Amino acid sequence: MEVSGKITKILDKVTGHKKDASGTWEKQNFVLETDEKYNNIYCFEIFGAEKVFNFNQENAIGSPVTVQFNVKTNEYKGKYYTSLQAWKIGSTNADEQTEDVYDSY
């Protein structure tokens, strides 16, 4: 899936320890707002230290971007949790070529 808009908020980075004790993990969420009248706010998740680093180097609040993402749902104790996992983020400035911030595939 793909959506374009401006970054309105970058949330704090979250870290934790892997279940198998082989190290740590890192993720960060950011909020994107589109020009649509309804359903215009998206909160995306970036997972992985390198991807989080690249995102923070290339983006700021107000940056116009296009985000390609997957919708992921997990079940835990009978409850369902859905996240929007960004896997490709590109600048959509008219002055620049679209630039991929990262691509995990």
PDB file of N, CA and C in Angstrom:
ATOM      1  N   MET A   1       0.840  -1.156   0.000  1.00  0.00           N
ATOM      2  CA  MET A   1       0.000   0.000   0.000  1.00  0.00           C
ATOM      3  C   MET A   1       0.897   1.235   0.000  1.00  0.00           C
ATOM      4  N   GLU A   2       0.322   2.366  -0.398  1.00  0.00           N
ATOM      5  CA  GLU A   2       1.102   3.595  -0.488  1.00  0.00           C
ATOM      6  C   GLU A   2       0.233   4.797  -0.127  1.00  0.00           C
ATOM      7  N   VAL A   3       0.824   5.771   0.555  1.00  0.00           N
ATOM      8  CA  VAL A   3       0.127   7.006   0.900  1.00  0.00           C
ATOM      9  C   VAL A   3       1.150   8.146   0.921  1.00  0.00           C
ATOM     10  N   SER A   4       0.706   9.351   0.547  1.00  0.00           N
ATOM     11  CA  SER A   4       1.575  10.527   0.548  1.00  0.00           C
ATOM     12  C   SER A   4       0.991  11.605   1.452  1.00  0.00           C
ATOM     13  N   GLY A   5       1.857  12.357   2.090  1.00  0.00           N
ATOM     14  CA  GLY A   5       1.440  13.442   2.962  1.00  0.00           C
ATOM     15  C   GLY A   5       2.641  14.074   3.620  1.00  0.00           C
ATOM     16  N   LYS A   6       2.389  14.794   4.717  1.00  0.00           N
ATOM     17  CA  LYS A   6       3.463  15.451   5.463  1.00  0.00           C
ATOM     18  C   LYS A   6       3.588  14.828   6.844  1.00  0.00           C
ATOM     19  N   ILE A   7       4.824  14.718   7.306  1.00  0.00           N
ATOM     20  CA  ILE A   7       5.086  14.208   8.646  1.00  0.00           C
ATOM     21  C   ILE A   7       4.678  15.286   9.646  1.00  0.00           C
ATOM     22  N   THR A   8       3.780  14.940  10.569  1.00  0.00           N
ATOM     23  CA  THR A   8       3.314  15.921  11.554  1.00  0.00           C
ATOM     24  C   THR A   8       3.874  15.663  12.949  1.00  0.00           C
ATOM     25  N   LYS A   9       4.353  14.449  13.197  1.00  0.00           N
ATOM     26  CA  LYS A   9       4.899  14.139  14.516  1.00  0.00           C
ATOM     27  C   LYS A   9       5.852  12.963  14.393  1.00  0.00           C
ATOM     28  N   ILE A  10       6.978  13.049  15.098  1.00  0.00           N
ATOM     29  CA  ILE A  10       7.923  11.931  15.188  1.00  0.00           C
ATOM     30  C   ILE A  10       7.991  11.550  16.656  1.00  0.00           C
ATOM     31  N   LEU A  11       7.565  10.341  16.955  1.00  0.00           N
ATOM     32  CA  LEU A  11       7.506   9.876  18.341  1.00  0.00           C
ATOM     33  C   LEU A  11       8.879   9.387  18.803  1.00  0.00           C
ATOM     34  N   ASP A  12       9.030   9.236  20.108  1.00  0.00           N
ATOM     35  CA  ASP A  12      10.301   8.792  20.671  1.00  0.00           C
ATOM     36  C   ASP A  12      10.629   7.365  20.237  1.00  0.00           C
ATOM     37  N   LYS A  13      11.915   7.118  20.095  1.00  0.00           N
ATOM     38  CA  LYS A  13      12.414   5.797  19.757  1.00  0.00           C
ATOM     39  C   LYS A  13      12.165   4.857  20.934  1.00  0.00           C
ATOM     40  N   VAL A  14      11.844   3.589  20.634  1.00  0.00           N
ATOM     41  CA  VAL A  14      11.603   2.569  21.652  1.00  0.00           C
ATOM     42  C   VAL A  14      12.595   1.435  21.424  1.00  0.00           C
ATOM     43  N   THR A  15      13.214   0.948  22.497  1.00  0.00           N
ATOM     44  CA  THR A  15      14.152  -0.166  22.389  1.00  0.00           C
ATOM     45  C   THR A  15      13.757  -1.259  23.373  1.00  0.00           C
ATOM     46  N   GLY A  16      14.243  -2.463  23.119  1.00  0.00           N
ATOM     47  CA  GLY A  16      13.974  -3.581  24.007  1.00  0.00           C
ATOM     48  C   GLY A  16      14.944  -4.715  23.738  1.00  0.00           C
ATOM     49  N   HIS A  17      14.826  -5.770  24.516  1.00  0.00           N
ATOM     50  CA  HIS A  17      15.688  -6.945  24.360  1.00  0.00           C
ATOM     51  C   HIS A  17      14.945  -8.033  23.611  1.00  0.00           C
ATOM     52  N   LYS A  18      15.647  -8.706  22.697  1.00  0.00           N
ATOM     53  CA  LYS A  18      15.047  -9.807  21.936  1.00  0.00           C
ATOM     54  C   LYS A  18      14.711 -10.957  22.875  1.00  0.00           C
ATOM     55  N   LYS A  19      13.658 -11.708  22.537  1.00  0.00           N
ATOM     56  CA  LYS A  19      13.218 -12.827  23.368  1.00  0.00           C
ATOM     57  C   LYS A  19      14.300 -13.890  23.535  1.00  0.00           C
ATOM     58  N   ASP A  20      15.125 -14.083  22.490  1.00  0.00           N
ATOM     59  CA  ASP A  20      16.163 -15.109  22.554  1.00  0.00           C
ATOM     60  C   ASP A  20      17.468 -14.597  23.167  1.00  0.00           C
ATOM     61  N   ALA A  21      17.459 -13.380  23.712  1.00  0.00           N
ATOM     62  CA  ALA A  21      18.607 -12.760  24.389  1.00  0.00           C
ATOM     63  C   ALA A  21      19.802 -12.559  23.464  1.00  0.00           C
ATOM     64  N   SER A  22      19.561 -12.460  22.153  1.00  0.00           N
ATOM     65  CA  SER A  22      20.667 -12.285  21.206  1.00  0.00           C
ATOM     66  C   SER A  22      20.995 -10.818  20.938  1.00  0.00           C
ATOM     67  N   GLY A  23      20.373  -9.911  21.662  1.00  0.00           N
ATOM     68  CA  GLY A  23      20.650  -8.493  21.459  1.00  0.00           C
ATOM     69  C   GLY A  23      19.425  -7.648  21.729  1.00  0.00           C
ATOM     70  N   THR A  24      19.409  -6.483  21.110  1.00  0.00           N
ATOM     71  CA  THR A  24      18.302  -5.555  21.321  1.00  0.00           C
ATOM     72  C   THR A  24      17.605  -5.247  19.995  1.00  0.00           C
ATOM     73  N   TRP A  25      16.413  -4.667  20.097  1.00  0.00           N
ATOM     74  CA  TRP A  25      15.678  -4.211  18.930  1.00  0.00           C
ATOM     75  C   TRP A  25      15.341  -2.738  19.129  1.00  0.00           C
ATOM     76  N   GLU A  26      15.002  -2.070  18.023  1.00  0.00           N
ATOM     77  CA  GLU A  26      14.703  -0.647  18.049  1.00  0.00           C
ATOM     78  C   GLU A  26      13.578  -0.355  17.071  1.00  0.00           C
ATOM     79  N   LYS A  27      12.654   0.521  17.473  1.00  0.00           N
ATOM     80  CA  LYS A  27      11.597   0.943  16.562  1.00  0.00           C
ATOM     81  C   LYS A  27      11.237   2.393  16.852  1.00  0.00           C
ATOM     82  N   GLN A  28      10.595   3.020  15.873  1.00  0.00           N
ATOM     83  CA  GLN A  28      10.140   4.389  16.033  1.00  0.00           C
ATOM     84  C   GLN A  28       8.868   4.569  15.224  1.00  0.00           C
ATOM     85  N   ASN A  29       7.940   5.348  15.759  1.00  0.00           N
ATOM     86  CA  ASN A  29       6.695   5.651  15.068  1.00  0.00           C
ATOM     87  C   ASN A  29       6.704   7.105  14.629  1.00  0.00           C
ATOM     88  N   PHE A  30       6.005   7.374  13.529  1.00  0.00           N
ATOM     89  CA  PHE A  30       5.813   8.751  13.093  1.00  0.00           C
ATOM     90  C   PHE A  30       4.403   8.888  12.533  1.00  0.00           C
ATOM     91  N   VAL A  31       3.880  10.110  12.582  1.00  0.00           N
ATOM     92  CA  VAL A  31       2.524  10.387  12.136  1.00  0.00           C
ATOM     93  C   VAL A  31       2.577  11.160  10.832  1.00  0.00           C
ATOM     94  N   LEU A  32       1.776  10.712   9.870  1.00  0.00           N
ATOM     95  CA  LEU A  32       1.680  11.340   8.554  1.00  0.00           C
ATOM     96  C   LEU A  32       0.249  11.820   8.367  1.00  0.00           C
ATOM     97  N   GLU A  33       0.102  13.032   7.854  1.00  0.00           N
ATOM     98  CA  GLU A  33      -1.232  13.569   7.585  1.00  0.00           C
ATOM     99  C   GLU A  33      -1.350  13.876   6.092  1.00  0.00           C
ATOM    100  N   THR A  34      -2.454  13.419   5.497  1.00  0.00           N
ATOM    101  CA  THR A  34      -2.695  13.647   4.074  1.00  0.00           C
ATOM    102  C   THR A  34      -3.662  14.812   3.897  1.00  0.00           C
ATOM    103  N   ASP A  35      -3.928  15.174   2.645  1.00  0.00           N
ATOM    104  CA  ASP A  35      -4.866  16.247   2.333  1.00  0.00           C
ATOM    105  C   ASP A  35      -6.307  15.751   2.229  1.00  0.00           C
ATOM    106  N   GLU A  36      -6.535  14.461   2.443  1.00  0.00           N
ATOM    107  CA  GLU A  36      -7.877  13.905   2.353  1.00  0.00           C
ATOM    108  C   GLU A  36      -8.784  14.489   3.434  1.00  0.00           C
ATOM    109  N   LYS A  37     -10.086  14.535   3.165  1.00  0.00           N
ATOM    110  CA  LYS A  37     -11.028  15.076   4.129  1.00  0.00           C
ATOM    111  C   LYS A  37     -11.247  14.114   5.308  1.00  0.00           C
ATOM    112  N   TYR A  38     -11.326  12.821   5.031  1.00  0.00           N
ATOM    113  CA  TYR A  38     -11.557  11.806   6.051  1.00  0.00           C
ATOM    114  C   TYR A  38     -10.421  10.794   6.023  1.00  0.00           C
ATOM    115  N   ASN A  39     -10.222  10.110   7.148  1.00  0.00           N
ATOM    116  CA  ASN A  39      -9.187   9.075   7.251  1.00  0.00           C
ATOM    117  C   ASN A  39      -7.849   9.601   6.753  1.00  0.00           C
ATOM    118  N   ASN A  40      -7.417  10.726   7.294  1.00  0.00           N
ATOM    119  CA  ASN A  40      -6.227  11.396   6.772  1.00  0.00           C
ATOM    120  C   ASN A  40      -5.029  11.361   7.714  1.00  0.00           C
ATOM    121  N   ILE A  41      -5.096  10.620   8.813  1.00  0.00           N
ATOM    122  CA  ILE A  41      -3.976  10.532   9.742  1.00  0.00           C
ATOM    123  C   ILE A  41      -3.540   9.072   9.853  1.00  0.00           C
ATOM    124  N   TYR A  42      -2.230   8.847   9.690  1.00  0.00           N
ATOM    125  CA  TYR A  42      -1.658   7.505   9.743  1.00  0.00           C
ATOM    126  C   TYR A  42      -0.489   7.513  10.720  1.00  0.00           C
ATOM    127  N   CYS A  43      -0.386   6.501  11.551  1.00  0.00           N
ATOM    128  CA  CYS A  43       0.770   6.350  12.426  1.00  0.00           C
ATOM    129  C   CYS A  43       1.549   5.117  11.952  1.00  0.00           C
ATOM    130  N   PHE A  44       2.748   5.359  11.428  1.00  0.00           N
ATOM    131  CA  PHE A  44       3.580   4.296  10.873  1.00  0.00           C
ATOM    132  C   PHE A  44       4.651   3.874  11.862  1.00  0.00           C
ATOM    133  N   GLU A  45       5.080   2.627  11.738  1.00  0.00           N
ATOM    134  CA  GLU A  45       6.142   2.071  12.558  1.00  0.00           C
ATOM    135  C   GLU A  45       7.341   1.746  11.668  1.00  0.00           C
ATOM    136  N   ILE A  46       8.527   2.113  12.156  1.00  0.00           N
ATOM    137  CA  ILE A  46       9.783   1.745  11.499  1.00  0.00           C
ATOM    138  C   ILE A  46      10.497   0.812  12.469  1.00  0.00           C
ATOM    139  N   PHE A  47      10.929  -0.350  11.989  1.00  0.00           N
ATOM    140  CA  PHE A  47      11.549  -1.327  12.870  1.00  0.00           C
ATOM    141  C   PHE A  47      12.973  -1.620  12.400  1.00  0.00           C
ATOM    142  N   GLY A  48      13.925  -1.547  13.317  1.00  0.00           N
ATOM    143  CA  GLY A  48      15.323  -1.832  13.023  1.00  0.00           C
ATOM    144  C   GLY A  48      16.187  -0.596  13.207  1.00  0.00           C
ATOM    145  N   ALA A  49      17.334  -0.757  13.868  1.00  0.00           N
ATOM    146  CA  ALA A  49      18.201   0.369  14.209  1.00  0.00           C
ATOM    147  C   ALA A  49      18.667   1.142  12.981  1.00  0.00           C
ATOM    148  N   GLU A  50      19.070   0.449  11.935  1.00  0.00           N
ATOM    149  CA  GLU A  50      19.563   1.127  10.736  1.00  0.00           C
ATOM    150  C   GLU A  50      18.456   1.921  10.053  1.00  0.00           C
ATOM    151  N   LYS A  51      17.272   1.356   9.977  1.00  0.00           N
ATOM    152  CA  LYS A  51      16.138   2.043   9.345  1.00  0.00           C
ATOM    153  C   LYS A  51      15.726   3.274  10.152  1.00  0.00           C
ATOM    154  N   VAL A  52      15.717   3.148  11.482  1.00  0.00           N
ATOM    155  CA  VAL A  52      15.384   4.278  12.344  1.00  0.00           C
ATOM    156  C   VAL A  52      16.415   5.389  12.155  1.00  0.00           C
ATOM    157  N   PHE A  53      17.700   5.028  12.125  1.00  0.00           N
ATOM    158  CA  PHE A  53      18.768   6.008  11.925  1.00  0.00           C
ATOM    159  C   PHE A  53      18.592   6.741  10.595  1.00  0.00           C
ATOM    160  N   ASN A  54      18.384   5.979   9.510  1.00  0.00           N
ATOM    161  CA  ASN A  54      18.212   6.581   8.185  1.00  0.00           C
ATOM    162  C   ASN A  54      16.997   7.500   8.138  1.00  0.00           C
ATOM    163  N   PHE A  55      15.900   7.083   8.744  1.00  0.00           N
ATOM    164  CA  PHE A  55      14.699   7.904   8.770  1.00  0.00           C
ATOM    165  C   PHE A  55      14.980   9.241   9.439  1.00  0.00           C
ATOM    166  N   ASN A  56      15.642   9.215  10.592  1.00  0.00           N
ATOM    167  CA  ASN A  56      15.908  10.440  11.345  1.00  0.00           C
ATOM    168  C   ASN A  56      16.917  11.348  10.649  1.00  0.00           C
ATOM    169  N   GLN A  57      17.804  10.793   9.850  1.00  0.00           N
ATOM    170  CA  GLN A  57      18.772  11.601   9.111  1.00  0.00           C
ATOM    171  C   GLN A  57      18.123  12.356   7.956  1.00  0.00           C
ATOM    172  N   GLU A  58      17.094  11.775   7.353  1.00  0.00           N
ATOM    173  CA  GLU A  58      16.520  12.315   6.120  1.00  0.00           C
ATOM    174  C   GLU A  58      15.187  13.033   6.298  1.00  0.00           C
ATOM    175  N   ASN A  59      14.563  12.939   7.461  1.00  0.00           N
ATOM    176  CA  ASN A  59      13.206  13.472   7.628  1.00  0.00           C
ATOM    177  C   ASN A  59      13.077  14.313   8.880  1.00  0.00           C
ATOM    178  N   ALA A  60      12.098  15.217   8.839  1.00  0.00           N
ATOM    179  CA  ALA A  60      11.775  16.067   9.981  1.00  0.00           C
ATOM    180  C   ALA A  60      10.286  16.366   9.932  1.00  0.00           C
ATOM    181  N   ILE A  61       9.773  16.965  10.987  1.00  0.00           N
ATOM    182  CA  ILE A  61       8.374  17.363  10.988  1.00  0.00           C
ATOM    183  C   ILE A  61       8.165  18.356   9.850  1.00  0.00           C
ATOM    184  N   GLY A  62       7.126  18.136   9.062  1.00  0.00           N
ATOM    185  CA  GLY A  62       6.826  18.972   7.906  1.00  0.00           C
ATOM    186  C   GLY A  62       7.339  18.422   6.591  1.00  0.00           C
ATOM    187  N   SER A  63       8.158  17.368   6.641  1.00  0.00           N
ATOM    188  CA  SER A  63       8.689  16.776   5.411  1.00  0.00           C
ATOM    189  C   SER A  63       7.573  16.133   4.598  1.00  0.00           C
ATOM    190  N   PRO A  64       7.473  16.472   3.299  1.00  0.00           N
ATOM    191  CA  PRO A  64       6.504  15.778   2.449  1.00  0.00           C
ATOM    192  C   PRO A  64       7.104  14.447   1.972  1.00  0.00           C
ATOM    193  N   VAL A  65       6.397  13.347   2.209  1.00  0.00           N
ATOM    194  CA  VAL A  65       6.911  12.025   1.864  1.00  0.00           C
ATOM    195  C   VAL A  65       5.824  11.135   1.272  1.00  0.00           C
ATOM    196  N   THR A  66       6.272  10.101   0.589  1.00  0.00           N
ATOM    197  CA  THR A  66       5.408   9.009   0.155  1.00  0.00           C
ATOM    198  C   THR A  66       5.883   7.774   0.905  1.00  0.00           C
ATOM    199  N   VAL A  67       4.958   7.073   1.543  1.00  0.00           N
ATOM    200  CA  VAL A  67       5.291   5.909   2.361  1.00  0.00           C
ATOM    201  C   VAL A  67       4.657   4.670   1.743  1.00  0.00           C
ATOM    202  N   GLN A  68       5.473   3.653   1.529  1.00  0.00           N
ATOM    203  CA  GLN A  68       4.958   2.344   1.145  1.00  0.00           C
ATOM    204  C   GLN A  68       5.000   1.492   2.409  1.00  0.00           C
ATOM    205  N   PHE A  69       3.914   0.756   2.652  1.00  0.00           N
ATOM    206  CA  PHE A  69       3.797   0.070   3.928  1.00  0.00           C
ATOM    207  C   PHE A  69       2.979  -1.204   3.820  1.00  0.00           C
ATOM    208  N   ASN A  70       3.110  -2.025   4.843  1.00  0.00           N
ATOM    209  CA  ASN A  70       2.312  -3.237   5.007  1.00  0.00           C
ATOM    210  C   ASN A  70       1.457  -3.083   6.255  1.00  0.00           C
ATOM    211  N   VAL A  71       0.289  -3.694   6.237  1.00  0.00           N
ATOM    212  CA  VAL A  71      -0.581  -3.725   7.405  1.00  0.00           C
ATOM    213  C   VAL A  71      -0.357  -5.076   8.081  1.00  0.00           C
ATOM    214  N   LYS A  72      -0.008  -5.030   9.370  1.00  0.00           N
ATOM    215  CA  LYS A  72       0.266  -6.262  10.096  1.00  0.00           C
ATOM    216  C   LYS A  72      -0.622  -6.335  11.327  1.00  0.00           C
ATOM    217  N   THR A  73      -1.256  -7.485  11.541  1.00  0.00           N
ATOM    218  CA  THR A  73      -2.104  -7.700  12.708  1.00  0.00           C
ATOM    219  C   THR A  73      -1.604  -8.912  13.478  1.00  0.00           C
ATOM    220  N   ASN A  74      -1.485  -8.755  14.795  1.00  0.00           N
ATOM    221  CA  ASN A  74      -1.092  -9.845  15.682  1.00  0.00           C
ATOM    222  C   ASN A  74      -2.200 -10.077  16.698  1.00  0.00           C
ATOM    223  N   GLU A  75      -2.332 -11.339  17.110  1.00  0.00           N
ATOM    224  CA  GLU A  75      -3.295 -11.706  18.146  1.00  0.00           C
ATOM    225  C   GLU A  75      -2.513 -12.016  19.420  1.00  0.00           C
ATOM    226  N   TYR A  76      -2.992 -11.502  20.557  1.00  0.00           N
ATOM    227  CA  TYR A  76      -2.373 -11.794  21.840  1.00  0.00           C
ATOM    228  C   TYR A  76      -3.483 -11.925  22.870  1.00  0.00           C
ATOM    229  N   LYS A  77      -3.619 -13.119  23.419  1.00  0.00           N
ATOM    230  CA  LYS A  77      -4.624 -13.422  24.443  1.00  0.00           C
ATOM    231  C   LYS A  77      -6.024 -12.979  24.027  1.00  0.00           C
ATOM    232  N   GLY A  78      -6.387 -13.278  22.787  1.00  0.00           N
ATOM    233  CA  GLY A  78      -7.730 -13.002  22.305  1.00  0.00           C
ATOM    234  C   GLY A  78      -7.973 -11.580  21.833  1.00  0.00           C
ATOM    235  N   LYS A  79      -6.960 -10.731  21.908  1.00  0.00           N
ATOM    236  CA  LYS A  79      -7.093  -9.361  21.414  1.00  0.00           C
ATOM    237  C   LYS A  79      -6.218  -9.203  20.183  1.00  0.00           C
ATOM    238  N   TYR A  80      -6.620  -8.311  19.284  1.00  0.00           N
ATOM    239  CA  TYR A  80      -5.911  -8.107  18.024  1.00  0.00           C
ATOM    240  C   TYR A  80      -5.313  -6.709  17.969  1.00  0.00           C
ATOM    241  N   TYR A  81      -4.075  -6.640  17.517  1.00  0.00           N
ATOM    242  CA  TYR A  81      -3.330  -5.394  17.434  1.00  0.00           C
ATOM    243  C   TYR A  81      -2.823  -5.209  16.004  1.00  0.00           C
ATOM    244  N   THR A  82      -3.084  -4.045  15.432  1.00  0.00           N
ATOM    245  CA  THR A  82      -2.722  -3.779  14.045  1.00  0.00           C
ATOM    246  C   THR A  82      -1.699  -2.647  13.990  1.00  0.00           C
ATOM    247  N   SER A  83      -0.689  -2.813  13.134  1.00  0.00           N
ATOM    248  CA  SER A  83       0.311  -1.759  12.936  1.00  0.00           C
ATOM    249  C   SER A  83       0.535  -1.550  11.444  1.00  0.00           C
ATOM    250  N   LEU A  84       0.930  -0.330  11.101  1.00  0.00           N
ATOM    251  CA  LEU A  84       1.290   0.022   9.720  1.00  0.00           C
ATOM    252  C   LEU A  84       2.807   0.060   9.667  1.00  0.00           C
ATOM    253  N   GLN A  85       3.411  -0.932   9.022  1.00  0.00           N
ATOM    254  CA  GLN A  85       4.857  -1.053   8.996  1.00  0.00           C
ATOM    255  C   GLN A  85       5.418  -0.459   7.710  1.00  0.00           C
ATOM    256  N   ALA A  86       6.048   0.713   7.858  1.00  0.00           N
ATOM    257  CA  ALA A  86       6.648   1.399   6.708  1.00  0.00           C
ATOM    258  C   ALA A  86       7.882   0.634   6.264  1.00  0.00           C
ATOM    259  N   TRP A  87       7.981   0.370   4.958  1.00  0.00           N
ATOM    260  CA  TRP A  87       9.169  -0.316   4.447  1.00  0.00           C
ATOM    261  C   TRP A  87       9.889   0.498   3.385  1.00  0.00           C
ATOM    262  N   LYS A  88       9.286   1.566   2.919  1.00  0.00           N
ATOM    263  CA  LYS A  88       9.971   2.441   1.964  1.00  0.00           C
ATOM    264  C   LYS A  88       9.409   3.848   2.134  1.00  0.00           C
ATOM    265  N   ILE A  89      10.298   4.813   2.311  1.00  0.00           N
ATOM    266  CA  ILE A  89       9.889   6.204   2.493  1.00  0.00           C
ATOM    267  C   ILE A  89      10.677   7.043   1.511  1.00  0.00           C
ATOM    268  N   GLY A  90       9.970   7.852   0.733  1.00  0.00           N
ATOM    269  CA  GLY A  90      10.639   8.703  -0.244  1.00  0.00           C
ATOM    270  C   GLY A  90      10.168  10.135  -0.139  1.00  0.00           C
ATOM    271  N   SER A  91      11.073  11.055  -0.392  1.00  0.00           N
ATOM    272  CA  SER A  91      10.741  12.480  -0.388  1.00  0.00           C
ATOM    273  C   SER A  91       9.858  12.788  -1.583  1.00  0.00           C
ATOM    274  N   THR A  92       8.900  13.699  -1.401  1.00  0.00           N
ATOM    275  CA  THR A  92       8.034  14.097  -2.517  1.00  0.00           C
ATOM    276  C   THR A  92       8.147  15.594  -2.795  1.00  0.00           C
ATOM    277  N   ASN A  93       9.288  16.206  -2.432  1.00  0.00           N
ATOM    278  CA  ASN A  93       9.504  17.615  -2.752  1.00  0.00           C
ATOM    279  C   ASN A  93       9.517  17.805  -4.247  1.00  0.00           C
ATOM    280  N   ALA A  94       8.871  18.845  -4.733  1.00  0.00           N
ATOM    281  CA  ALA A  94       8.835  19.126  -6.167  1.00  0.00           C
ATOM    282  C   ALA A  94      10.220  19.484  -6.685  1.00  0.00           C
ATOM    283  N   ASP A  95      11.081  20.050  -5.815  1.00  0.00           N
ATOM    284  CA  ASP A  95      12.423  20.469  -6.229  1.00  0.00           C
ATOM    285  C   ASP A  95      13.401  19.306  -6.331  1.00  0.00           C
ATOM    286  N   GLU A  96      13.060  18.164  -5.731  1.00  0.00           N
ATOM    287  CA  GLU A  96      13.982  17.030  -5.681  1.00  0.00           C
ATOM    288  C   GLU A  96      13.407  15.830  -6.429  1.00  0.00           C
ATOM    289  N   GLN A  97      14.292  14.938  -6.794  1.00  0.00           N
ATOM    290  CA  GLN A  97      13.863  13.636  -7.266  1.00  0.00           C
ATOM    291  C   GLN A  97      13.358  12.873  -6.048  1.00  0.00           C
ATOM    292  N   THR A  98      12.439  11.946  -6.237  1.00  0.00           N
ATOM    293  CA  THR A  98      12.002  11.120  -5.116  1.00  0.00           C
ATOM    294  C   THR A  98      13.184  10.280  -4.661  1.00  0.00           C
ATOM    295  N   GLU A  99      13.495  10.371  -3.379  1.00  0.00           N
ATOM    296  CA  GLU A  99      14.655   9.687  -2.827  1.00  0.00           C
ATOM    297  C   GLU A  99      14.199   8.665  -1.803  1.00  0.00           C
ATOM    298  N   ASP A 100      14.676   7.444  -1.927  1.00  0.00           N
ATOM    299  CA  ASP A 100      14.329   6.406  -0.974  1.00  0.00           C
ATOM    300  C   ASP A 100      15.167   6.590   0.282  1.00  0.00           C
ATOM    301  N   VAL A 101      14.507   6.688   1.427  1.00  0.00           N
ATOM    302  CA  VAL A 101      15.207   6.798   2.676  1.00  0.00           C
ATOM    303  C   VAL A 101      15.726   5.422   3.093  1.00  0.00           C
ATOM    304  N   TYR A 102      14.898   4.427   2.935  1.00  0.00           N
ATOM    305  CA  TYR A 102      15.337   3.049   3.139  1.00  0.00           C
ATOM    306  C   TYR A 102      14.358   2.133   2.451  1.00  0.00           C
ATOM    307  N   ASP A 103      14.833   0.970   2.180  1.00  0.00           N
ATOM    308  CA  ASP A 103      14.003  -0.041   1.536  1.00  0.00           C
ATOM    309  C   ASP A 103      14.429  -1.380   2.119  1.00  0.00           C
ATOM    310  N   SER A 104      13.560  -2.011   2.871  1.00  0.00           N
ATOM    311  CA  SER A 104      13.944  -3.237   3.573  1.00  0.00           C
ATOM    312  C   SER A 104      13.780  -4.491   2.717  1.00  0.00           C
ATOM    313  N   TYR A 105      13.235  -4.356   1.528  1.00  0.00           N
ATOM    314  CA  TYR A 105      13.066  -5.549   0.707  1.00  0.00           C
ATOM    315  C   TYR A 105      14.123  -5.656  -0.345  1.00  0.00           C
TER     316      TYR A 105
END
